[in-house]
Structures are given as structure tokens and as C-alpha cells.
Amino acid sequence: MSSEVAARRDAKKLVRSPSGLRMVPEHRAFGSPFGLEEPQWVPDKECPRCMQCDAKFDFLTRKHHCRRCGKCFCDKCCGQKVPLRRMCFVDPVRQCGQGQGWAELGVAQTTRSCLTPGAEVLFQLPKSDPMQVP
């Protein structure tokens, strides 16, 4: 009986989403509590320009959606492809570069690359850092 439950827990299915191929658990109840859902994409009609550099989208400057936050960006601002394992993507997918500039605070690139609205990031500054609050 327990081997049957274990087999169901490990069962996965391949799902094609607008963002790409995802390997998800067959039953939501067996999903990881640390997994992330795909964000709602900003509709194409609502973003005529890149949401980071303000470049106008046209025939040469194409629009791309970040798979982590769902916002619209040009290739320059969303050209990085990274594996988003917590979202169950099979292949690396586009992720924007929002939050860059935190390097001086010691926050890893994978942590600071793209935050969803309302996300909180907690990190500890090195003791020798002049920006540290006493």
C-alpha cells in the first residue's frame, strides 16, 4: 500500500504552458511546498514599451515576457535564460534582470535577478560593510 502511495507521489506529467514545457506532479497535493506558480503575464496591449529601459517594441525590437515575473521586456533586458527549477521548467527560460545593482550588497545573481511583486528578500550584510546599520 505504501509503495502505491509513493508511486503516485513521484508521478509527474509534462505540461505545455505559454512559458514553456514544465514537468509537474500529477496531483497538486504531492507538489513541493517550495514550488512557485507561473506568474500572470502582463497583456501585450498593456506594454508597448520595455518595462525596464522604455525601448519601444517594433519589428526589430521584439517583446519578451519574463517567466519569473510576467512583465514585458526587450531582448537586451530579458535575454538571460536560466533554469527555474522551483517553477518546474524543463529547459532554461527567459528571466529579466530586475534588481541588478545589488551586487555591492553581496546578494547572489540568482537571488536578485527577478522578484515577484510583494516578495521579500532577507540577507545579512558582512560585518565590515560600511552600509551596515548599527
C-alpha atoms as a PDB file:
ATOM      1  CA  MET A   1       0.000   0.000   0.000  1.00  0.00           C
ATOM      2  CA  SER A   2       2.740   2.485   0.909  1.00  0.00           C
ATOM      3  CA  SER A   3       4.617   1.725  -2.333  1.00  0.00           C
ATOM      4  CA  GLU A   4       1.448   2.616  -4.261  1.00  0.00           C
ATOM      5  CA  VAL A   5       1.243   5.989  -2.481  1.00  0.00           C
ATOM      6  CA  ALA A   6       4.961   6.574  -3.120  1.00  0.00           C
ATOM      7  CA  ALA A   7       4.482   5.782  -6.817  1.00  0.00           C
ATOM      8  CA  ARG A   8       1.620   8.288  -7.037  1.00  0.00           C
ATOM      9  CA  ARG A   9       3.690  10.891  -5.186  1.00  0.00           C
ATOM     10  CA  ASP A  10       6.519  10.549  -7.720  1.00  0.00           C
ATOM     11  CA  ALA A  11       4.211  10.588 -10.764  1.00  0.00           C
ATOM     12  CA  LYS A  12       4.827  13.595 -12.982  1.00  0.00           C
ATOM     13  CA  LYS A  13       3.352  14.850 -16.219  1.00  0.00           C
ATOM     14  CA  LEU A  14       4.744  17.058 -18.963  1.00  0.00           C
ATOM     15  CA  VAL A  15       2.658  20.220 -19.413  1.00  0.00           C
ATOM     16  CA  ARG A  16       2.956  22.793 -22.192  1.00  0.00           C
ATOM     17  CA  SER A  17       2.313  26.271 -20.819  1.00  0.00           C
ATOM     18  CA  PRO A  18       2.661  29.674 -22.532  1.00  0.00           C
ATOM     19  CA  SER A  19       6.019  29.979 -20.771  1.00  0.00           C
ATOM     20  CA  GLY A  20       7.449  26.631 -21.878  1.00  0.00           C
ATOM     21  CA  LEU A  21       7.461  22.939 -21.019  1.00  0.00           C
ATOM     22  CA  ARG A  22       7.031  22.081 -17.352  1.00  0.00           C
ATOM     23  CA  MET A  23       7.346  18.751 -15.532  1.00  0.00           C
ATOM     24  CA  VAL A  24       4.751  18.976 -12.757  1.00  0.00           C
ATOM     25  CA  PRO A  25       3.404  16.478 -10.214  1.00  0.00           C
ATOM     26  CA  GLU A  26       0.317  14.640 -11.440  1.00  0.00           C
ATOM     27  CA  HIS A  27      -1.522  15.590  -8.278  1.00  0.00           C
ATOM     28  CA  ARG A  28      -1.200  19.074  -6.756  1.00  0.00           C
ATOM     29  CA  ALA A  29      -1.259  17.567  -3.268  1.00  0.00           C
ATOM     30  CA  PHE A  30       2.126  15.963  -3.980  1.00  0.00           C
ATOM     31  CA  GLY A  31       3.786  19.181  -5.183  1.00  0.00           C
ATOM     32  CA  SER A  32       6.634  20.781  -3.269  1.00  0.00           C
ATOM     33  CA  PRO A  33       5.666  23.436  -0.722  1.00  0.00           C
ATOM     34  CA  PHE A  34       8.621  25.431  -2.097  1.00  0.00           C
ATOM     35  CA  GLY A  35       7.418  25.350  -5.713  1.00  0.00           C
ATOM     36  CA  LEU A  36       6.366  28.558  -7.434  1.00  0.00           C
ATOM     37  CA  GLU A  37       3.394  29.078  -9.723  1.00  0.00           C
ATOM     38  CA  GLU A  38       3.772  30.778 -13.088  1.00  0.00           C
ATOM     39  CA  PRO A  39       3.008  34.491 -12.872  1.00  0.00           C
ATOM     40  CA  GLN A  40       0.167  36.131 -14.779  1.00  0.00           C
ATOM     41  CA  TRP A  41       1.667  37.720 -17.897  1.00  0.00           C
ATOM     42  CA  VAL A  42       1.143  41.424 -18.496  1.00  0.00           C
ATOM     43  CA  PRO A  43      -1.134  41.542 -21.577  1.00  0.00           C
ATOM     44  CA  ASP A  44       0.646  42.563 -24.803  1.00  0.00           C
ATOM     45  CA  LYS A  45      -1.732  45.510 -25.281  1.00  0.00           C
ATOM     46  CA  GLU A  46      -0.668  46.982 -21.940  1.00  0.00           C
ATOM     47  CA  CYS A  47       3.053  47.098 -22.690  1.00  0.00           C
ATOM     48  CA  PRO A  48       4.015  48.955 -25.881  1.00  0.00           C
ATOM     49  CA  ARG A  49       7.476  49.614 -24.368  1.00  0.00           C
ATOM     50  CA  CYS A  50      10.100  47.695 -22.399  1.00  0.00           C
ATOM     51  CA  MET A  51       9.242  47.889 -18.700  1.00  0.00           C
ATOM     52  CA  GLN A  52      12.910  48.394 -17.798  1.00  0.00           C
ATOM     53  CA  CYS A  53      14.641  50.540 -20.458  1.00  0.00           C
ATOM     54  CA  ASP A  54      11.500  52.034 -22.079  1.00  0.00           C
ATOM     55  CA  ALA A  55      12.505  50.893 -25.602  1.00  0.00           C
ATOM     56  CA  LYS A  56       9.536  50.905 -27.996  1.00  0.00           C
ATOM     57  CA  PHE A  57       8.585  47.483 -29.351  1.00  0.00           C
ATOM     58  CA  ASP A  58       8.525  47.206 -33.144  1.00  0.00           C
ATOM     59  CA  PHE A  59       9.564  44.835 -35.909  1.00  0.00           C
ATOM     60  CA  LEU A  60      13.233  44.873 -34.819  1.00  0.00           C
ATOM     61  CA  THR A  61      12.786  45.285 -31.051  1.00  0.00           C
ATOM     62  CA  ARG A  62      10.718  42.294 -30.050  1.00  0.00           C
ATOM     63  CA  LYS A  63       8.697  41.871 -26.880  1.00  0.00           C
ATOM     64  CA  HIS A  64       9.520  39.086 -24.424  1.00  0.00           C
ATOM     65  CA  HIS A  65       7.825  38.087 -21.176  1.00  0.00           C
ATOM     66  CA  CYS A  66       9.927  37.236 -18.153  1.00  0.00           C
ATOM     67  CA  ARG A  67       8.928  33.758 -16.980  1.00  0.00           C
ATOM     68  CA  ARG A  68       9.576  34.699 -13.346  1.00  0.00           C
ATOM     69  CA  CYS A  69       7.590  37.952 -13.034  1.00  0.00           C
ATOM     70  CA  GLY A  70       5.429  38.067 -16.218  1.00  0.00           C
ATOM     71  CA  LYS A  71       6.437  41.617 -17.219  1.00  0.00           C
ATOM     72  CA  CYS A  72       7.365  42.696 -20.792  1.00  0.00           C
ATOM     73  CA  PHE A  73      10.968  43.407 -21.756  1.00  0.00           C
ATOM     74  CA  CYS A  74      13.167  43.807 -24.822  1.00  0.00           C
ATOM     75  CA  ASP A  75      15.824  41.179 -25.575  1.00  0.00           C
ATOM     76  CA  LYS A  76      18.546  43.349 -24.025  1.00  0.00           C
ATOM     77  CA  CYS A  77      16.709  43.459 -20.684  1.00  0.00           C
ATOM     78  CA  CYS A  78      15.375  39.872 -20.775  1.00  0.00           C
ATOM     79  CA  GLY A  79      17.894  37.915 -22.806  1.00  0.00           C
ATOM     80  CA  GLN A  80      19.241  35.827 -19.953  1.00  0.00           C
ATOM     81  CA  LYS A  81      17.959  32.238 -19.872  1.00  0.00           C
ATOM     82  CA  VAL A  82      18.129  30.451 -16.547  1.00  0.00           C
ATOM     83  CA  PRO A  83      16.763  27.172 -15.173  1.00  0.00           C
ATOM     84  CA  LEU A  84      13.780  27.891 -12.910  1.00  0.00           C
ATOM     85  CA  ARG A  85      13.542  24.558 -11.139  1.00  0.00           C
ATOM     86  CA  ARG A  86      11.127  25.804  -8.481  1.00  0.00           C
ATOM     87  CA  MET A  87       8.681  26.531 -11.297  1.00  0.00           C
ATOM     88  CA  CYS A  88       9.282  23.044 -12.787  1.00  0.00           C
ATOM     89  CA  PHE A  89      10.549  24.261 -16.186  1.00  0.00           C
ATOM     90  CA  VAL A  90      12.298  21.563 -18.228  1.00  0.00           C
ATOM     91  CA  ASP A  91      14.605  23.949 -20.130  1.00  0.00           C
ATOM     92  CA  PRO A  92      16.165  27.291 -19.141  1.00  0.00           C
ATOM     93  CA  VAL A  93      13.711  30.164 -19.731  1.00  0.00           C
ATOM     94  CA  ARG A  94      13.858  33.952 -20.095  1.00  0.00           C
ATOM     95  CA  GLN A  95      14.309  35.939 -16.928  1.00  0.00           C
ATOM     96  CA  CYS A  96      14.627  39.696 -16.630  1.00  0.00           C
ATOM     97  CA  GLY A  97      17.479  41.472 -14.910  1.00  0.00           C
ATOM     98  CA  GLN A  98      15.406  43.432 -12.393  1.00  0.00           C
ATOM     99  CA  GLY A  99      17.083  44.003  -9.090  1.00  0.00           C
ATOM    100  CA  GLN A 100      20.552  44.327 -10.598  1.00  0.00           C
ATOM    101  CA  GLY A 101      22.721  46.713  -8.691  1.00  0.00           C
ATOM    102  CA  TRP A 102      22.514  44.610  -5.543  1.00  0.00           C
ATOM    103  CA  ALA A 103      25.915  43.072  -6.264  1.00  0.00           C
ATOM    104  CA  GLU A 104      27.572  45.548  -3.930  1.00  0.00           C
ATOM    105  CA  LEU A 105      25.344  44.174  -1.163  1.00  0.00           C
ATOM    106  CA  GLY A 106      26.545  40.634  -1.786  1.00  0.00           C
ATOM    107  CA  VAL A 107      23.214  39.253  -2.989  1.00  0.00           C
ATOM    108  CA  ALA A 108      23.712  36.397  -5.452  1.00  0.00           C
ATOM    109  CA  GLN A 109      22.681  36.963  -9.087  1.00  0.00           C
ATOM    110  CA  THR A 110      20.198  34.097  -8.976  1.00  0.00           C
ATOM    111  CA  THR A 111      18.560  35.592  -5.872  1.00  0.00           C
ATOM    112  CA  ARG A 112      18.313  39.175  -7.083  1.00  0.00           C
ATOM    113  CA  SER A 113      17.569  38.633 -10.778  1.00  0.00           C
ATOM    114  CA  CYS A 114      13.824  38.792 -10.644  1.00  0.00           C
ATOM    115  CA  LEU A 115      11.452  39.300  -7.764  1.00  0.00           C
ATOM    116  CA  THR A 116       7.729  38.914  -7.942  1.00  0.00           C
ATOM    117  CA  PRO A 117       5.628  41.796  -6.618  1.00  0.00           C
ATOM    118  CA  GLY A 118       5.392  41.628  -2.842  1.00  0.00           C
ATOM    119  CA  ALA A 119       8.396  39.321  -2.484  1.00  0.00           C
ATOM    120  CA  GLU A 120      10.742  39.849   0.432  1.00  0.00           C
ATOM    121  CA  VAL A 121      14.460  39.128   0.336  1.00  0.00           C
ATOM    122  CA  LEU A 122      16.341  38.654   3.567  1.00  0.00           C
ATOM    123  CA  PHE A 123      20.112  38.643   3.675  1.00  0.00           C
ATOM    124  CA  GLN A 124      22.866  39.504   6.112  1.00  0.00           C
ATOM    125  CA  LEU A 125      25.479  42.108   5.263  1.00  0.00           C
ATOM    126  CA  PRO A 126      29.128  41.355   6.061  1.00  0.00           C
ATOM    127  CA  LYS A 127      30.233  42.948   9.350  1.00  0.00           C
ATOM    128  CA  SER A 128      32.913  45.023   7.604  1.00  0.00           C
ATOM    129  CA  ASP A 129      30.364  46.541   5.197  1.00  0.00           C
ATOM    130  CA  PRO A 130      30.124  50.354   5.655  1.00  0.00           C
ATOM    131  CA  MET A 131      26.417  50.224   4.728  1.00  0.00           C
ATOM    132  CA  GLN A 132      25.587  48.047   7.742  1.00  0.00           C
ATOM    133  CA  VAL A 133      23.180  49.629  10.193  1.00  0.00           C
ATOM    134  CA  PRO A 134      24.499  49.528  13.791  1.00  0.00           C
END
